[in-house]
Amino acid sequence: MSTRSCPDWPTMLELAPELHFKHYSVAEARLPGEVLVNLPDMPLDALTICADLDHNVYYGPHTDPRVVEALKDTHWYELDVWVRERPPG
């Protein structure tokens, strides 16, 4: 999968204009080890994530459910959580 802008960007722009979401394979996204250990025996090129990698925010509806599960309890935010909590900095 090649990196590309998320087709839902107009909605995301209204919710969080400081973020820019793109679609990546998990291999392209270079997620931290704490996430990858929760994805054992899965081809990282076949799993997808829609995210702003600079801010550690992902969009659940466009992210593989196994990746969403692996991101729980990490320093990554789902877009809805980011919008509600707006972490500093």
PDB file of N, CA and C in Angstrom:
ATOM      1  N   MET A   1       0.853  -1.181   0.000  1.00  0.00           N
ATOM      2  CA  MET A   1       0.000   0.000   0.000  1.00  0.00           C
ATOM      3  C   MET A   1       0.893   1.238   0.000  1.00  0.00           C
ATOM      4  N   SER A   2       0.559   2.192  -0.798  1.00  0.00           N
ATOM      5  CA  SER A   2       1.330   3.425  -0.817  1.00  0.00           C
ATOM      6  C   SER A   2       0.722   4.426   0.162  1.00  0.00           C
ATOM      7  N   THR A   3       1.533   5.358   0.593  1.00  0.00           N
ATOM      8  CA  THR A   3       1.073   6.386   1.506  1.00  0.00           C
ATOM      9  C   THR A   3       0.176   7.356   0.743  1.00  0.00           C
ATOM     10  N   ARG A   4      -0.976   7.680   1.330  1.00  0.00           N
ATOM     11  CA  ARG A   4      -1.873   8.623   0.670  1.00  0.00           C
ATOM     12  C   ARG A   4      -2.785   9.296   1.697  1.00  0.00           C
ATOM     13  N   SER A   5      -3.288  10.450   1.311  1.00  0.00           N
ATOM     14  CA  SER A   5      -4.188  11.180   2.200  1.00  0.00           C
ATOM     15  C   SER A   5      -5.483  10.416   2.393  1.00  0.00           C
ATOM     16  N   CYS A   6      -6.043  10.547   3.575  1.00  0.00           N
ATOM     17  CA  CYS A   6      -7.288   9.873   3.900  1.00  0.00           C
ATOM     18  C   CYS A   6      -8.433  10.552   3.139  1.00  0.00           C
ATOM     19  N   PRO A   7      -9.332   9.764   2.544  1.00  0.00           N
ATOM     20  CA  PRO A   7     -10.454  10.367   1.813  1.00  0.00           C
ATOM     21  C   PRO A   7     -11.435  11.106   2.720  1.00  0.00           C
ATOM     22  N   ASP A   8     -11.392  10.869   4.015  1.00  0.00           N
ATOM     23  CA  ASP A   8     -12.272  11.581   4.947  1.00  0.00           C
ATOM     24  C   ASP A   8     -11.639  12.877   5.460  1.00  0.00           C
ATOM     25  N   TRP A   9     -10.605  13.365   4.789  1.00  0.00           N
ATOM     26  CA  TRP A   9      -9.890  14.530   5.291  1.00  0.00           C
ATOM     27  C   TRP A   9     -10.765  15.760   5.518  1.00  0.00           C
ATOM     28  N   PRO A  10     -11.826  16.027   4.732  1.00  0.00           N
ATOM     29  CA  PRO A  10     -12.625  17.227   5.043  1.00  0.00           C
ATOM     30  C   PRO A  10     -13.249  17.169   6.442  1.00  0.00           C
ATOM     31  N   THR A  11     -13.759  16.006   6.817  1.00  0.00           N
ATOM     32  CA  THR A  11     -14.340  15.853   8.155  1.00  0.00           C
ATOM     33  C   THR A  11     -13.259  15.994   9.219  1.00  0.00           C
ATOM     34  N   MET A  12     -12.133  15.361   8.978  1.00  0.00           N
ATOM     35  CA  MET A  12     -11.036  15.420   9.947  1.00  0.00           C
ATOM     36  C   MET A  12     -10.503  16.839  10.100  1.00  0.00           C
ATOM     37  N   LEU A  13     -10.485  17.580   9.016  1.00  0.00           N
ATOM     38  CA  LEU A  13     -10.017  18.965   9.060  1.00  0.00           C
ATOM     39  C   LEU A  13     -10.905  19.806   9.974  1.00  0.00           C
ATOM     40  N   GLU A  14     -12.196  19.533   9.966  1.00  0.00           N
ATOM     41  CA  GLU A  14     -13.110  20.249  10.860  1.00  0.00           C
ATOM     42  C   GLU A  14     -12.875  19.861  12.319  1.00  0.00           C
ATOM     43  N   LEU A  15     -12.591  18.587  12.552  1.00  0.00           N
ATOM     44  CA  LEU A  15     -12.407  18.094  13.923  1.00  0.00           C
ATOM     45  C   LEU A  15     -11.059  18.476  14.519  1.00  0.00           C
ATOM     46  N   ALA A  16     -10.007  18.358  13.719  1.00  0.00           N
ATOM     47  CA  ALA A  16      -8.649  18.578  14.221  1.00  0.00           C
ATOM     48  C   ALA A  16      -7.785  19.142  13.096  1.00  0.00           C
ATOM     49  N   PRO A  17      -7.894  20.442  12.843  1.00  0.00           N
ATOM     50  CA  PRO A  17      -7.174  21.030  11.710  1.00  0.00           C
ATOM     51  C   PRO A  17      -5.652  20.942  11.818  1.00  0.00           C
ATOM     52  N   GLU A  18      -5.146  20.688  13.014  1.00  0.00           N
ATOM     53  CA  GLU A  18      -3.697  20.592  13.194  1.00  0.00           C
ATOM     54  C   GLU A  18      -3.138  19.234  12.765  1.00  0.00           C
ATOM     55  N   LEU A  19      -4.017  18.288  12.475  1.00  0.00           N
ATOM     56  CA  LEU A  19      -3.589  16.937  12.109  1.00  0.00           C
ATOM     57  C   LEU A  19      -3.739  16.703  10.611  1.00  0.00           C
ATOM     58  N   HIS A  20      -2.899  15.823  10.077  1.00  0.00           N
ATOM     59  CA  HIS A  20      -2.987  15.446   8.666  1.00  0.00           C
ATOM     60  C   HIS A  20      -2.898  13.924   8.579  1.00  0.00           C
ATOM     61  N   PHE A  21      -4.015  13.286   8.245  1.00  0.00           N
ATOM     62  CA  PHE A  21      -4.099  11.827   8.230  1.00  0.00           C
ATOM     63  C   PHE A  21      -3.756  11.260   6.865  1.00  0.00           C
ATOM     64  N   LYS A  22      -2.980  10.192   6.890  1.00  0.00           N
ATOM     65  CA  LYS A  22      -2.650   9.438   5.685  1.00  0.00           C
ATOM     66  C   LYS A  22      -2.816   7.960   5.976  1.00  0.00           C
ATOM     67  N   HIS A  23      -2.984   7.185   4.918  1.00  0.00           N
ATOM     68  CA  HIS A  23      -3.083   5.735   5.042  1.00  0.00           C
ATOM     69  C   HIS A  23      -1.693   5.145   4.839  1.00  0.00           C
ATOM     70  N   TYR A  24      -1.322   4.221   5.722  1.00  0.00           N
ATOM     71  CA  TYR A  24      -0.020   3.560   5.686  1.00  0.00           C
ATOM     72  C   TYR A  24      -0.204   2.069   5.925  1.00  0.00           C
ATOM     73  N   SER A  25       0.774   1.283   5.497  1.00  0.00           N
ATOM     74  CA  SER A  25       0.857  -0.077   6.008  1.00  0.00           C
ATOM     75  C   SER A  25       1.524   0.063   7.379  1.00  0.00           C
ATOM     76  N   VAL A  26       1.333  -0.904   8.235  1.00  0.00           N
ATOM     77  CA  VAL A  26       1.974  -0.846   9.557  1.00  0.00           C
ATOM     78  C   VAL A  26       3.490  -0.821   9.391  1.00  0.00           C
ATOM     79  N   ALA A  27       4.002  -1.520   8.387  1.00  0.00           N
ATOM     80  CA  ALA A  27       5.447  -1.502   8.136  1.00  0.00           C
ATOM     81  C   ALA A  27       5.922  -0.085   7.806  1.00  0.00           C
ATOM     82  N   GLU A  28       5.179   0.643   6.981  1.00  0.00           N
ATOM     83  CA  GLU A  28       5.536   2.023   6.628  1.00  0.00           C
ATOM     84  C   GLU A  28       5.472   2.950   7.836  1.00  0.00           C
ATOM     85  N   ALA A  29       4.490   2.725   8.698  1.00  0.00           N
ATOM     86  CA  ALA A  29       4.259   3.615   9.836  1.00  0.00           C
ATOM     87  C   ALA A  29       5.351   3.504  10.897  1.00  0.00           C
ATOM     88  N   ARG A  30       6.064   2.391  10.900  1.00  0.00           N
ATOM     89  CA  ARG A  30       7.148   2.180  11.879  1.00  0.00           C
ATOM     90  C   ARG A  30       6.653   2.405  13.300  1.00  0.00           C
ATOM     91  N   LEU A  31       5.604   1.687  13.637  1.00  0.00           N
ATOM     92  CA  LEU A  31       5.027   1.785  14.975  1.00  0.00           C
ATOM     93  C   LEU A  31       6.009   1.260  16.004  1.00  0.00           C
ATOM     94  N   PRO A  32       5.904   1.723  17.238  1.00  0.00           N
ATOM     95  CA  PRO A  32       6.849   1.299  18.277  1.00  0.00           C
ATOM     96  C   PRO A  32       6.710  -0.190  18.607  1.00  0.00           C
ATOM     97  N   GLY A  33       7.776  -0.737  19.168  1.00  0.00           N
ATOM     98  CA  GLY A  33       7.816  -2.146  19.521  1.00  0.00           C
ATOM     99  C   GLY A  33       6.675  -2.587  20.409  1.00  0.00           C
ATOM    100  N   GLU A  34       6.226  -1.717  21.318  1.00  0.00           N
ATOM    101  CA  GLU A  34       5.130  -2.078  22.220  1.00  0.00           C
ATOM    102  C   GLU A  34       3.845  -2.384  21.456  1.00  0.00           C
ATOM    103  N   VAL A  35       3.706  -1.827  20.265  1.00  0.00           N
ATOM    104  CA  VAL A  35       2.546  -2.119  19.419  1.00  0.00           C
ATOM    105  C   VAL A  35       2.804  -3.386  18.612  1.00  0.00           C
ATOM    106  N   LEU A  36       3.982  -3.481  18.029  1.00  0.00           N
ATOM    107  CA  LEU A  36       4.302  -4.612  17.158  1.00  0.00           C
ATOM    108  C   LEU A  36       4.265  -5.942  17.884  1.00  0.00           C
ATOM    109  N   VAL A  37       4.625  -5.969  19.166  1.00  0.00           N
ATOM    110  CA  VAL A  37       4.577  -7.243  19.905  1.00  0.00           C
ATOM    111  C   VAL A  37       3.143  -7.741  20.056  1.00  0.00           C
ATOM    112  N   ASN A  38       2.186  -6.840  19.928  1.00  0.00           N
ATOM    113  CA  ASN A  38       0.772  -7.229  19.998  1.00  0.00           C
ATOM    114  C   ASN A  38       0.220  -7.659  18.642  1.00  0.00           C
ATOM    115  N   LEU A  39       1.088  -7.706  17.634  1.00  0.00           N
ATOM    116  CA  LEU A  39       0.696  -8.130  16.282  1.00  0.00           C
ATOM    117  C   LEU A  39       1.577  -9.305  15.832  1.00  0.00           C
ATOM    118  N   PRO A  40       1.719 -10.336  16.656  1.00  0.00           N
ATOM    119  CA  PRO A  40       2.635 -11.424  16.310  1.00  0.00           C
ATOM    120  C   PRO A  40       2.153 -12.202  15.087  1.00  0.00           C
ATOM    121  N   ASP A  41       3.104 -12.643  14.318  1.00  0.00           N
ATOM    122  CA  ASP A  41       2.836 -13.504  13.158  1.00  0.00           C
ATOM    123  C   ASP A  41       1.881 -12.885  12.144  1.00  0.00           C
ATOM    124  N   MET A  42       1.832 -11.580  12.078  1.00  0.00           N
ATOM    125  CA  MET A  42       0.982 -10.910  11.091  1.00  0.00           C
ATOM    126  C   MET A  42       1.887 -10.138  10.130  1.00  0.00           C
ATOM    127  N   PRO A  43       1.617 -10.234   8.836  1.00  0.00           N
ATOM    128  CA  PRO A  43       2.442  -9.494   7.869  1.00  0.00           C
ATOM    129  C   PRO A  43       2.191  -7.992   7.986  1.00  0.00           C
ATOM    130  N   LEU A  44       3.190  -7.265   8.411  1.00  0.00           N
ATOM    131  CA  LEU A  44       3.028  -5.833   8.671  1.00  0.00           C
ATOM    132  C   LEU A  44       2.728  -5.036   7.406  1.00  0.00           C
ATOM    133  N   ASP A  45       3.072  -5.589   6.241  1.00  0.00           N
ATOM    134  CA  ASP A  45       2.737  -4.912   4.981  1.00  0.00           C
ATOM    135  C   ASP A  45       1.254  -5.039   4.650  1.00  0.00           C
ATOM    136  N   ALA A  46       0.576  -6.011   5.249  1.00  0.00           N
ATOM    137  CA  ALA A  46      -0.837  -6.252   4.944  1.00  0.00           C
ATOM    138  C   ALA A  46      -1.781  -5.540   5.911  1.00  0.00           C
ATOM    139  N   LEU A  47      -1.266  -5.083   7.046  1.00  0.00           N
ATOM    140  CA  LEU A  47      -2.090  -4.377   8.032  1.00  0.00           C
ATOM    141  C   LEU A  47      -2.035  -2.884   7.754  1.00  0.00           C
ATOM    142  N   THR A  48      -3.174  -2.203   7.892  1.00  0.00           N
ATOM    143  CA  THR A  48      -3.223  -0.781   7.563  1.00  0.00           C
ATOM    144  C   THR A  48      -3.568   0.082   8.769  1.00  0.00           C
ATOM    145  N   ILE A  49      -3.104   1.320   8.679  1.00  0.00           N
ATOM    146  CA  ILE A  49      -3.419   2.320   9.696  1.00  0.00           C
ATOM    147  C   ILE A  49      -3.639   3.653   8.989  1.00  0.00           C
ATOM    148  N   CYS A  50      -4.626   4.376   9.449  1.00  0.00           N
ATOM    149  CA  CYS A  50      -4.879   5.745   8.998  1.00  0.00           C
ATOM    150  C   CYS A  50      -4.469   6.618  10.166  1.00  0.00           C
ATOM    151  N   ALA A  51      -3.439   7.447   9.969  1.00  0.00           N
ATOM    152  CA  ALA A  51      -2.876   8.147  11.123  1.00  0.00           C
ATOM    153  C   ALA A  51      -2.167   9.433  10.751  1.00  0.00           C
ATOM    154  N   ASP A  52      -2.010  10.267  11.772  1.00  0.00           N
ATOM    155  CA  ASP A  52      -1.066  11.373  11.751  1.00  0.00           C
ATOM    156  C   ASP A  52       0.103  10.875  12.586  1.00  0.00           C
ATOM    157  N   LEU A  53       1.169  10.467  11.931  1.00  0.00           N
ATOM    158  CA  LEU A  53       2.299   9.850  12.632  1.00  0.00           C
ATOM    159  C   LEU A  53       3.040  10.836  13.523  1.00  0.00           C
ATOM    160  N   ASP A  54       3.040  12.105  13.161  1.00  0.00           N
ATOM    161  CA  ASP A  54       3.748  13.108  13.969  1.00  0.00           C
ATOM    162  C   ASP A  54       3.093  13.344  15.325  1.00  0.00           C
ATOM    163  N   HIS A  55       1.786  13.124  15.411  1.00  0.00           N
ATOM    164  CA  HIS A  55       1.054  13.378  16.646  1.00  0.00           C
ATOM    165  C   HIS A  55       0.559  12.107  17.340  1.00  0.00           C
ATOM    166  N   ASN A  56       0.875  10.943  16.751  1.00  0.00           N
ATOM    167  CA  ASN A  56       0.451   9.656  17.328  1.00  0.00           C
ATOM    168  C   ASN A  56      -1.068   9.572  17.487  1.00  0.00           C
ATOM    169  N   VAL A  57      -1.759   9.948  16.424  1.00  0.00           N
ATOM    170  CA  VAL A  57      -3.224   9.901  16.407  1.00  0.00           C
ATOM    171  C   VAL A  57      -3.647   9.036  15.221  1.00  0.00           C
ATOM    172  N   TYR A  58      -4.573   8.113  15.476  1.00  0.00           N
ATOM    173  CA  TYR A  58      -5.074   7.267  14.394  1.00  0.00           C
ATOM    174  C   TYR A  58      -6.585   7.407  14.278  1.00  0.00           C
ATOM    175  N   TYR A  59      -7.088   7.025  13.111  1.00  0.00           N
ATOM    176  CA  TYR A  59      -8.516   7.085  12.822  1.00  0.00           C
ATOM    177  C   TYR A  59      -9.026   5.654  12.770  1.00  0.00           C
ATOM    178  N   GLY A  60      -9.734   5.240  13.809  1.00  0.00           N
ATOM    179  CA  GLY A  60     -10.183   3.871  13.964  1.00  0.00           C
ATOM    180  C   GLY A  60     -10.969   3.295  12.803  1.00  0.00           C
ATOM    181  N   PRO A  61     -11.943   4.033  12.224  1.00  0.00           N
ATOM    182  CA  PRO A  61     -12.733   3.455  11.137  1.00  0.00           C
ATOM    183  C   PRO A  61     -11.914   3.063   9.899  1.00  0.00           C
ATOM    184  N   HIS A  62     -10.748   3.661   9.708  1.00  0.00           N
ATOM    185  CA  HIS A  62      -9.913   3.333   8.552  1.00  0.00           C
ATOM    186  C   HIS A  62      -8.667   2.552   8.947  1.00  0.00           C
ATOM    187  N   THR A  63      -8.623   2.050  10.157  1.00  0.00           N
ATOM    188  CA  THR A  63      -7.469   1.295  10.642  1.00  0.00           C
ATOM    189  C   THR A  63      -7.891  -0.148  10.889  1.00  0.00           C
ATOM    190  N   ASP A  64      -7.023  -1.079  10.509  1.00  0.00           N
ATOM    191  CA  ASP A  64      -7.303  -2.497  10.722  1.00  0.00           C
ATOM    192  C   ASP A  64      -7.652  -2.721  12.193  1.00  0.00           C
ATOM    193  N   PRO A  65      -8.734  -3.431  12.490  1.00  0.00           N
ATOM    194  CA  PRO A  65      -9.157  -3.641  13.878  1.00  0.00           C
ATOM    195  C   PRO A  65      -8.082  -4.282  14.758  1.00  0.00           C
ATOM    196  N   ARG A  66      -7.224  -5.107  14.180  1.00  0.00           N
ATOM    197  CA  ARG A  66      -6.141  -5.717  14.961  1.00  0.00           C
ATOM    198  C   ARG A  66      -5.122  -4.665  15.380  1.00  0.00           C
ATOM    199  N   VAL A  67      -4.919  -3.676  14.531  1.00  0.00           N
ATOM    200  CA  VAL A  67      -3.996  -2.584  14.856  1.00  0.00           C
ATOM    201  C   VAL A  67      -4.621  -1.696  15.923  1.00  0.00           C
ATOM    202  N   VAL A  68      -5.913  -1.403  15.791  1.00  0.00           N
ATOM    203  CA  VAL A  68      -6.619  -0.613  16.812  1.00  0.00           C
ATOM    204  C   VAL A  68      -6.453  -1.284  18.172  1.00  0.00           C
ATOM    205  N   GLU A  69      -6.652  -2.583  18.227  1.00  0.00           N
ATOM    206  CA  GLU A  69      -6.513  -3.319  19.488  1.00  0.00           C
ATOM    207  C   GLU A  69      -5.078  -3.234  20.013  1.00  0.00           C
ATOM    208  N   ALA A  70      -4.097  -3.352  19.128  1.00  0.00           N
ATOM    209  CA  ALA A  70      -2.689  -3.296  19.533  1.00  0.00           C
ATOM    210  C   ALA A  70      -2.295  -1.909  20.043  1.00  0.00           C
ATOM    211  N   LEU A  71      -2.993  -0.869  19.586  1.00  0.00           N
ATOM    212  CA  LEU A  71      -2.672   0.500  20.002  1.00  0.00           C
ATOM    213  C   LEU A  71      -3.263   0.868  21.363  1.00  0.00           C
ATOM    214  N   LYS A  72      -4.194   0.064  21.858  1.00  0.00           N
ATOM    215  CA  LYS A  72      -4.789   0.359  23.167  1.00  0.00           C
ATOM    216  C   LYS A  72      -3.706   0.329  24.239  1.00  0.00           C
ATOM    217  N   ASP A  73      -3.854   1.176  25.224  1.00  0.00           N
ATOM    218  CA  ASP A  73      -2.919   1.268  26.343  1.00  0.00           C
ATOM    219  C   ASP A  73      -1.515   1.670  25.907  1.00  0.00           C
ATOM    220  N   THR A  74      -1.424   2.437  24.812  1.00  0.00           N
ATOM    221  CA  THR A  74      -0.145   3.003  24.379  1.00  0.00           C
ATOM    222  C   THR A  74      -0.269   4.524  24.392  1.00  0.00           C
ATOM    223  N   HIS A  75       0.752   5.191  23.914  1.00  0.00           N
ATOM    224  CA  HIS A  75       0.733   6.662  23.856  1.00  0.00           C
ATOM    225  C   HIS A  75       0.031   7.177  22.600  1.00  0.00           C
ATOM    226  N   TRP A  76      -0.655   6.298  21.869  1.00  0.00           N
ATOM    227  CA  TRP A  76      -1.413   6.685  20.683  1.00  0.00           C
ATOM    228  C   TRP A  76      -2.845   7.022  21.053  1.00  0.00           C
ATOM    229  N   TYR A  77      -3.410   7.994  20.339  1.00  0.00           N
ATOM    230  CA  TYR A  77      -4.784   8.433  20.563  1.00  0.00           C
ATOM    231  C   TYR A  77      -5.648   8.095  19.361  1.00  0.00           C
ATOM    232  N   GLU A  78      -6.862   7.660  19.603  1.00  0.00           N
ATOM    233  CA  GLU A  78      -7.846   7.569  18.530  1.00  0.00           C
ATOM    234  C   GLU A  78      -8.355   8.990  18.307  1.00  0.00           C
ATOM    235  N   LEU A  79      -8.720   9.337  17.097  1.00  0.00           N
ATOM    236  CA  LEU A  79      -9.119  10.711  16.771  1.00  0.00           C
ATOM    237  C   LEU A  79     -10.186  11.248  17.716  1.00  0.00           C
ATOM    238  N   ASP A  80     -11.205  10.462  18.017  1.00  0.00           N
ATOM    239  CA  ASP A  80     -12.270  10.936  18.916  1.00  0.00           C
ATOM    240  C   ASP A  80     -11.727  11.300  20.290  1.00  0.00           C
ATOM    241  N   VAL A  81     -10.792  10.523  20.786  1.00  0.00           N
ATOM    242  CA  VAL A  81     -10.177  10.808  22.089  1.00  0.00           C
ATOM    243  C   VAL A  81      -9.350  12.088  21.994  1.00  0.00           C
ATOM    244  N   TRP A  82      -8.586  12.222  20.920  1.00  0.00           N
ATOM    245  CA  TRP A  82      -7.769  13.433  20.713  1.00  0.00           C
ATOM    246  C   TRP A  82      -8.653  14.680  20.723  1.00  0.00           C
ATOM    247  N   VAL A  83      -9.761  14.616  20.017  1.00  0.00           N
ATOM    248  CA  VAL A  83     -10.673  15.768  19.931  1.00  0.00           C
ATOM    249  C   VAL A  83     -11.220  16.114  21.313  1.00  0.00           C
ATOM    250  N   ARG A  84     -11.587  15.117  22.098  1.00  0.00           N
ATOM    251  CA  ARG A  84     -12.135  15.366  23.441  1.00  0.00           C
ATOM    252  C   ARG A  84     -11.078  15.872  24.414  1.00  0.00           C
ATOM    253  N   GLU A  85      -9.888  15.304  24.358  1.00  0.00           N
ATOM    254  CA  GLU A  85      -8.867  15.584  25.381  1.00  0.00           C
ATOM    255  C   GLU A  85      -7.798  16.564  24.959  1.00  0.00           C
ATOM    256  N   ARG A  86      -7.582  16.755  23.661  1.00  0.00           N
ATOM    257  CA  ARG A  86      -6.562  17.668  23.130  1.00  0.00           C
ATOM    258  C   ARG A  86      -5.328  17.737  24.031  1.00  0.00           C
ATOM    259  N   PRO A  87      -4.444  16.753  23.931  1.00  0.00           N
ATOM    260  CA  PRO A  87      -3.248  16.765  24.771  1.00  0.00           C
ATOM    261  C   PRO A  87      -2.406  18.011  24.513  1.00  0.00           C
ATOM    262  N   PRO A  88      -1.711  18.499  25.530  1.00  0.00           N
ATOM    263  CA  PRO A  88      -0.883  19.704  25.359  1.00  0.00           C
ATOM    264  C   PRO A  88       0.304  19.430  24.454  1.00  0.00           C
ATOM    265  N   GLY A  89       0.746  20.474  23.807  1.00  0.00           N
ATOM    266  CA  GLY A  89       1.971  20.417  23.017  1.00  0.00           C
ATOM    267  C   GLY A  89       1.791  19.790  21.729  1.00  0.00           C
TER     268      GLY A  89
END
